[in-house]
Protein backbone atom coordinates (compact mmCIF):
# COMPACT_ATOMS: atom_id res chain seq x y z
CA UNK A 1 -34.98 12.63 -16.09
CA UNK A 2 -31.33 11.25 -14.59
CA UNK A 3 -31.59 11.74 -10.65
CA UNK A 4 -27.94 14.14 -10.29
CA UNK A 5 -26.75 12.59 -7.24
CA UNK A 6 -26.58 10.21 -8.70
CA UNK A 7 -22.73 8.84 -8.68
CA UNK A 8 -21.01 9.63 -11.58
CA UNK A 9 -18.25 6.60 -12.57
CA UNK A 10 -15.00 8.45 -13.80
CA UNK A 11 -13.64 7.06 -17.57
CA UNK A 12 -9.63 6.30 -17.47
CA UNK A 13 -7.67 5.17 -19.80
CA UNK A 14 -4.02 5.06 -18.67
CA UNK A 15 -1.23 3.62 -21.08
CA UNK A 16 2.87 3.29 -19.57
CA UNK A 17 6.19 1.77 -21.04
CA UNK A 18 8.24 0.46 -17.92
CA UNK A 19 11.89 0.04 -19.17
CA UNK A 20 15.10 -1.11 -17.82
CA UNK A 21 17.63 -4.11 -18.19
CA UNK A 22 17.55 -7.02 -16.74
CA UNK A 23 17.65 -8.02 -12.77
CA UNK A 24 15.75 -4.09 -12.19
CA UNK A 25 12.37 -5.82 -11.85
CA UNK A 26 10.98 -3.80 -14.50
CA UNK A 27 8.97 -7.22 -15.21
CA UNK A 28 7.48 -6.93 -11.48
CA UNK A 29 7.14 -3.34 -11.42
CA UNK A 30 4.27 -4.23 -14.49
CA UNK A 31 3.17 -7.33 -13.27
CA UNK A 32 2.56 -5.88 -9.30
CA UNK A 33 0.30 -3.25 -11.44
CA UNK A 34 -1.10 -4.45 -13.11
CA UNK A 35 -2.37 -7.14 -10.21
CA UNK A 36 -3.15 -3.79 -8.92
CA UNK A 37 -5.30 -2.50 -11.21
CA UNK A 38 -6.93 -5.77 -11.34
CA UNK A 39 -7.49 -5.78 -8.03
CA UNK A 40 -8.82 -2.31 -8.15
CA UNK A 41 -11.48 -3.61 -11.08
CA UNK A 42 -10.05 -1.69 -13.52
CA UNK A 43 -9.13 -3.55 -16.97
CA UNK A 44 -5.66 -3.95 -17.89
CA UNK A 45 -3.32 -5.69 -20.47
CA UNK A 46 0.38 -6.34 -19.66
CA UNK A 47 2.56 -7.03 -22.27
CA UNK A 48 6.08 -8.25 -21.13
CA UNK A 49 9.59 -8.29 -23.28
CA UNK A 50 13.52 -9.10 -22.46
CA UNK A 51 16.28 -10.28 -24.23
CA UNK A 52 17.57 -13.47 -24.55
CA UNK A 53 20.06 -12.62 -21.36
CA UNK A 54 18.99 -13.90 -17.67
CA UNK A 55 20.24 -10.61 -16.43
CA UNK A 56 22.01 -7.10 -18.37
CA UNK A 57 20.14 -7.56 -21.08
CA UNK A 58 17.81 -4.92 -22.22
CA UNK A 59 13.89 -5.73 -20.47
CA UNK A 60 10.67 -3.71 -20.84
CA UNK A 61 7.11 -4.08 -20.87
CA UNK A 62 3.68 -2.32 -21.24
CA UNK A 63 0.94 -1.78 -19.26
CA UNK A 64 -2.42 -0.46 -20.43
CA UNK A 65 -4.94 1.31 -17.53
CA UNK A 66 -8.46 1.46 -18.66
CA UNK A 67 -12.39 1.51 -16.75
CA UNK A 68 -13.58 0.12 -20.53
CA UNK A 69 -12.60 -2.34 -22.37
CA UNK A 70 -9.28 -2.36 -24.27
CA UNK A 71 -9.87 -2.71 -28.11
CA UNK A 72 -5.47 -4.09 -28.58
CA UNK A 73 -3.00 -4.26 -26.13
CA UNK A 74 -0.72 -2.57 -28.96
CA UNK A 75 0.87 1.31 -27.64
CA UNK A 76 2.87 3.46 -29.95
CA UNK A 77 2.60 5.85 -27.78
CA UNK A 78 2.74 6.82 -23.85
CA UNK A 79 0.75 8.73 -21.38
CA UNK A 80 3.97 7.51 -18.48
CA UNK A 81 7.26 6.51 -18.93
CA UNK A 82 9.24 4.33 -16.16
CA UNK A 83 12.75 4.26 -17.55
CA UNK A 84 15.33 2.44 -14.76
CA UNK A 85 18.21 3.10 -16.82
CA UNK A 86 19.84 5.06 -19.24
CA UNK A 87 19.87 3.34 -22.92
CA UNK A 88 16.13 3.45 -22.30
CA UNK A 89 15.45 6.66 -22.03
CA UNK A 90 17.10 7.13 -25.45
CA UNK A 91 14.92 4.84 -26.74
CA UNK A 92 11.90 5.41 -25.78
CA UNK A 93 11.06 8.39 -24.64
CA UNK A 94 9.63 10.38 -27.73
CA UNK A 95 6.23 7.81 -27.28
CA UNK A 96 5.86 10.06 -24.21
CA UNK A 97 3.22 12.03 -25.83
CA UNK A 98 3.12 15.94 -25.15
CA UNK A 99 1.82 16.87 -21.19
CA UNK A 100 2.44 12.91 -20.21
CA UNK A 101 5.08 11.90 -17.30
CA UNK A 102 8.80 10.37 -17.44
CA UNK A 103 10.06 8.88 -14.15
CA UNK A 104 13.80 8.59 -13.83
CA UNK A 105 16.05 6.36 -11.49
CA UNK A 106 18.83 9.32 -11.09
CA UNK A 107 20.36 6.97 -9.47
CA UNK A 108 21.35 5.93 -12.88
CA UNK A 109 20.65 8.33 -14.90
CA UNK A 110 21.13 12.14 -16.39
CA UNK A 111 17.96 13.80 -15.38
CA UNK A 112 19.19 15.90 -18.14
CA UNK A 113 16.27 15.95 -21.30
CA UNK A 114 15.50 17.66 -23.96
CA UNK A 115 12.24 17.37 -23.80
CA UNK A 116 9.87 20.40 -22.57
CA UNK A 117 6.91 19.05 -23.11
CA UNK A 118 6.89 16.67 -20.61
CA UNK A 119 6.32 15.79 -16.64
CA UNK A 120 9.69 14.46 -15.19
CA UNK A 121 10.41 13.04 -11.71
CA UNK A 122 13.93 12.34 -11.26
CA UNK A 123 13.72 9.66 -8.71
CA UNK A 124 17.29 8.59 -6.63
CA UNK A 125 15.18 4.99 -6.63
CA UNK A 126 18.80 2.62 -5.79
CA UNK A 127 19.82 5.19 -3.26
CA UNK A 128 16.17 5.08 -1.27
CA UNK A 129 16.11 1.63 -1.99
CA UNK A 130 19.47 1.29 -0.49
CA UNK A 131 18.60 2.77 2.67
CA UNK A 132 16.04 1.12 3.13
CA UNK A 133 17.92 -1.76 3.12
CA UNK A 134 17.25 -3.87 0.25
CA UNK A 135 18.19 -2.46 -2.92
CA UNK A 136 16.78 -5.01 -5.52
CA UNK A 137 13.26 -2.97 -4.33
CA UNK A 138 14.65 0.18 -6.76
CA UNK A 139 11.67 -0.63 -8.55
CA UNK A 140 8.74 0.20 -5.52
CA UNK A 141 10.25 2.92 -5.46
CA UNK A 142 9.15 3.78 -8.67
CA UNK A 143 6.72 2.11 -8.97
CA UNK A 144 5.63 4.51 -4.79
CA UNK A 145 5.80 7.80 -7.22
CA UNK A 146 4.09 6.28 -10.04
CA UNK A 147 0.95 5.82 -7.85
CA UNK A 148 1.43 8.83 -6.50
CA UNK A 149 1.76 10.99 -8.95
CA UNK A 150 -1.38 8.96 -11.09
CA UNK A 151 -3.52 7.58 -8.98
CA UNK A 152 -4.13 4.95 -10.53
CA UNK A 153 -4.67 2.28 -7.79
CA UNK A 154 -3.86 2.48 -3.94
CA UNK A 155 -0.54 1.24 -2.12
CA UNK A 156 -2.16 -0.61 -0.47
CA UNK A 157 -4.02 -2.34 -3.78
CA UNK A 158 -0.29 -2.79 -4.33
CA UNK A 159 0.67 -4.33 -1.55
CA UNK A 160 -2.80 -6.86 -2.38
CA UNK A 161 -1.27 -7.06 -5.58
CA UNK A 162 2.23 -7.70 -4.06
CA UNK A 163 0.88 -10.92 -1.96
CA UNK A 164 -0.14 -12.43 -5.59
CA UNK A 165 3.01 -11.90 -7.84
CA UNK A 166 5.10 -12.91 -5.33
CA UNK A 167 5.87 -15.93 -4.31
CA UNK A 168 5.07 -17.04 -0.33
CA UNK A 169 8.13 -17.82 0.94
CA UNK A 170 9.43 -14.29 0.02
CA UNK A 171 5.71 -12.09 1.37
CA UNK A 172 8.34 -11.26 4.69
CA UNK A 173 9.86 -8.50 2.20
CA UNK A 174 5.52 -7.10 1.42
CA UNK A 175 6.82 -4.78 4.19
CA UNK A 176 9.53 -3.90 3.16
CA UNK A 177 8.03 -3.29 -0.54
CA UNK A 178 5.69 -0.89 1.61
CA UNK A 179 8.51 1.58 2.97
CA UNK A 180 9.31 1.23 -1.06
CA UNK A 181 6.26 2.18 -2.04
CA UNK A 182 5.83 5.20 0.32
CA UNK A 183 10.13 6.27 -0.47
CA UNK A 184 8.74 6.40 -3.97
CA UNK A 185 5.72 9.05 -3.43
CA UNK A 186 7.75 11.37 -0.28
CA UNK A 187 10.15 11.62 -2.79
CA UNK A 188 7.60 13.92 -5.37
CA UNK A 189 6.15 14.98 -2.40
CA UNK A 190 9.60 16.32 -1.73
CA UNK A 191 10.10 17.39 -5.32
CA UNK A 192 6.95 19.03 -5.89
CA UNK A 193 7.66 21.47 -2.33
CA UNK A 194 10.66 22.15 -3.87
CA UNK A 195 9.08 23.90 -6.85
């Protein structure tokens, strides 16, 4: 007979696409989330892709976070999409499953979408990052919003992951990244309060 008081393992499987252009930290966002998920004991696949341009060309990555072994890194439809620019919305929004989430960097994207079967979160990521004092951390603002919405990992695990993914000479940026994560979470809370 099973012990009814035993703790139950929560099963999870979340597929995500992050898209924008080179120089926005799209790949770093995905890599940091993947590392945080590993630190949290999850199975993870992170698949980066980008154009040949150093900056300004299309960049995207996919991340799968699961409590089970991941059979394939290939994703056709996702639970969540994080879009950093308008062309990415046009190209990838159809891949989001009904009931899924789209997080838009509304600093660069018109927040109006034709789809009504998804949850849309418009985050002024560039504006919030600039208010913190570093425009290049807009990606961490978006990651903070994502973490708050999905609860896949904690903000603490993201900060631990940054210690792994950032070179040592950039560790001085971690407190600013913590502010960016908080700003993204607060933006979602403010959105929910406004509804």
